[in-house]
Protein backbone atom coordinates (compact mmCIF):
# COMPACT_ATOMS: atom_id res chain seq x y z
CA MET A 1 207.52 -92.58 240.07
CA THR A 2 204.47 -92.39 237.84
CA LYS A 3 203.59 -88.85 236.82
CA THR A 4 200.10 -87.82 237.81
CA LYS A 5 198.36 -84.81 236.39
CA LEU A 6 195.76 -83.27 238.66
CA THR A 7 193.36 -80.55 237.64
CA PHE A 8 192.19 -78.50 240.62
CA PHE A 9 188.84 -76.73 241.01
CA THR A 10 187.45 -74.62 243.83
CA PRO A 11 183.88 -75.32 244.99
CA ASP A 12 181.33 -72.66 244.00
CA LEU A 13 179.62 -72.46 247.37
CA ASP A 14 177.92 -69.16 246.58
CA ASN A 15 175.69 -70.79 243.95
CA PRO A 16 174.69 -74.19 245.36
CA ILE A 17 172.45 -76.41 243.29
CA GLU A 18 169.85 -78.05 245.48
CA LEU A 19 168.64 -81.43 244.29
CA PRO A 20 165.91 -83.72 245.63
CA PHE A 21 167.15 -85.84 248.53
CA ILE A 22 165.40 -88.86 250.03
CA THR A 23 166.18 -88.66 253.75
CA ALA A 24 164.82 -92.10 254.68
CA GLY A 25 167.60 -93.87 252.78
CA ILE A 26 167.16 -96.39 249.99
CA LYS A 27 167.65 -100.00 250.93
CA ALA A 28 170.03 -102.04 248.83
CA GLY A 29 168.06 -105.17 249.78
CA PHE A 30 164.29 -105.48 249.55
CA PRO A 31 162.38 -102.44 248.27
CA SER A 32 160.53 -100.29 250.77
CA PRO A 33 157.13 -98.70 250.12
CA ALA A 34 157.28 -95.40 248.22
CA ALA A 35 155.26 -93.75 250.99
CA ASP A 36 158.35 -93.93 253.21
CA PHE A 37 160.20 -91.39 251.06
CA ASP A 38 160.38 -87.94 252.58
CA GLU A 39 161.82 -85.85 249.74
CA THR A 40 163.71 -82.71 250.75
CA LYS A 41 166.50 -80.73 249.08
CA ILE A 42 170.27 -81.14 249.44
CA SER A 43 173.34 -79.33 248.15
CA LEU A 44 176.26 -81.70 247.64
CA ASP A 45 178.68 -78.85 248.31
CA ALA A 46 177.14 -78.43 251.75
CA VAL A 47 177.70 -82.13 252.47
CA LEU A 48 181.16 -82.53 250.90
CA VAL A 49 182.79 -79.24 251.93
CA LYS A 50 183.49 -78.85 255.65
CA ASN A 51 186.10 -76.11 255.43
CA ARG A 52 185.12 -73.63 252.75
CA GLU A 53 188.41 -71.75 252.48
CA THR A 54 190.63 -74.85 252.35
CA THR A 55 188.67 -77.32 250.22
CA PHE A 56 189.34 -78.06 246.57
CA TYR A 57 188.20 -80.57 244.00
CA ALA A 58 190.66 -82.39 241.73
CA LYS A 59 190.20 -84.90 238.96
CA ALA A 60 192.21 -88.09 239.52
CA SER A 61 194.48 -89.29 236.75
CA GLY A 62 195.90 -92.80 236.67
CA THR A 63 195.25 -96.14 238.37
CA SER A 64 197.63 -96.26 241.33
CA MET A 65 194.81 -95.78 243.89
CA ILE A 66 192.09 -98.09 242.53
CA GLY A 67 192.23 -100.22 245.69
CA ALA A 68 191.22 -97.14 247.70
CA GLY A 69 188.26 -96.54 245.39
CA ILE A 70 189.92 -93.73 243.41
CA ASP A 71 189.68 -94.47 239.69
CA ASP A 72 190.97 -92.52 236.70
CA GLY A 73 188.65 -89.56 236.14
CA ASP A 74 187.08 -89.54 239.62
CA ILE A 75 186.65 -86.21 241.37
CA MET A 76 188.42 -86.02 244.72
CA VAL A 77 187.38 -83.63 247.48
CA ILE A 78 190.58 -82.41 249.18
CA ASP A 79 190.74 -80.52 252.47
CA ARG A 80 194.02 -78.68 253.03
CA SER A 81 193.20 -77.88 256.67
CA LEU A 82 193.29 -81.50 257.84
CA GLU A 83 196.41 -82.82 259.53
CA PRO A 84 198.31 -85.49 257.60
CA LYS A 85 198.21 -88.73 259.60
CA ASN A 86 199.25 -92.32 259.12
CA ASN A 87 196.96 -94.22 256.72
CA LYS A 88 195.23 -91.11 255.33
CA VAL A 89 194.93 -90.70 251.57
CA ALA A 90 196.70 -87.50 250.61
CA VAL A 91 197.45 -85.33 247.63
CA CYS A 92 201.20 -84.87 247.82
CA LEU A 93 203.60 -82.62 245.99
CA LEU A 94 206.66 -84.83 245.63
CA ASP A 95 209.72 -83.32 243.99
CA GLY A 96 207.53 -80.81 242.14
CA GLU A 97 204.90 -83.28 240.89
CA PHE A 98 201.49 -84.14 242.31
CA THR A 99 200.62 -87.67 243.32
CA VAL A 100 197.80 -89.24 245.33
CA LYS A 101 198.88 -91.92 247.78
CA ARG A 102 198.18 -93.32 251.23
CA ILE A 103 200.58 -92.00 253.89
CA LYS A 104 202.45 -94.68 255.84
CA ILE A 105 204.50 -93.48 258.79
CA THR A 106 206.76 -95.82 260.73
CA LYS A 107 209.06 -94.93 263.62
CA GLU A 108 211.89 -94.10 261.24
CA GLU A 109 210.45 -93.80 257.73
CA VAL A 110 207.69 -92.27 255.65
CA PHE A 111 206.25 -93.98 252.60
CA LEU A 112 203.68 -92.98 250.01
CA MET A 113 201.71 -96.15 249.36
CA PRO A 114 199.83 -96.94 246.17
CA GLU A 115 196.65 -99.00 246.30
CA ASN A 116 197.45 -101.04 243.20
CA LYS A 117 199.92 -103.95 243.17
CA LEU A 118 201.29 -102.77 239.81
CA PHE A 119 202.87 -99.75 241.55
CA ASP A 120 205.70 -99.66 244.07
CA PRO A 121 205.65 -97.78 247.37
CA ILE A 122 207.63 -94.55 247.38
CA LYS A 123 210.11 -94.27 250.26
CA ILE A 124 210.68 -90.64 251.21
CA THR A 125 214.34 -89.82 251.72
CA GLU A 126 216.25 -86.69 252.66
CA GLU A 127 216.75 -86.02 248.94
CA ASN A 128 212.99 -85.74 248.36
CA GLN A 129 210.99 -82.58 248.70
CA LEU A 130 207.58 -83.61 250.04
CA ILE A 131 204.61 -81.35 250.74
CA ILE A 132 201.39 -82.94 251.91
CA TRP A 133 199.07 -80.66 249.95
CA GLY A 134 195.78 -81.92 251.41
CA ILE A 135 193.79 -84.91 252.62
CA VAL A 136 191.23 -86.62 250.38
CA THR A 137 187.89 -86.64 252.22
CA TYR A 138 185.46 -87.83 249.52
CA VAL A 139 185.54 -89.30 246.04
CA VAL A 140 182.82 -88.61 243.48
CA LYS A 141 182.63 -91.20 240.74
CA LYS A 142 180.61 -92.07 237.69
CA MET A 143 178.86 -95.44 237.76
């Protein structure tokens, strides 16, 4: 198993920073006239955090989830109140170490699936101690 170091942060929802937000959307095709832009304010915390008491941010480390859009250094938004389900991307505490993987549940087995062909799936056995710490709901990345 590849060791992953996660650094956790709690959202500062008491001091939101409101930034300009264009509500009309910006087309990725042909440009639209500037007059269509209705600029209001938005707080990213208000959009990204649904459950204030159970949401954390963590910085991703490593490349095992690049196929899911999680790159080294990205900030993940993790909600601990969401139920772990098949195919969800989760922050897991596996045998005392954090890892980020997609949950795969079959009738008889549970796997933690990487999203990079260079990494092997992790089959959970009775010898493993697994805690699904939270579900990744958003990823914030630098372009």
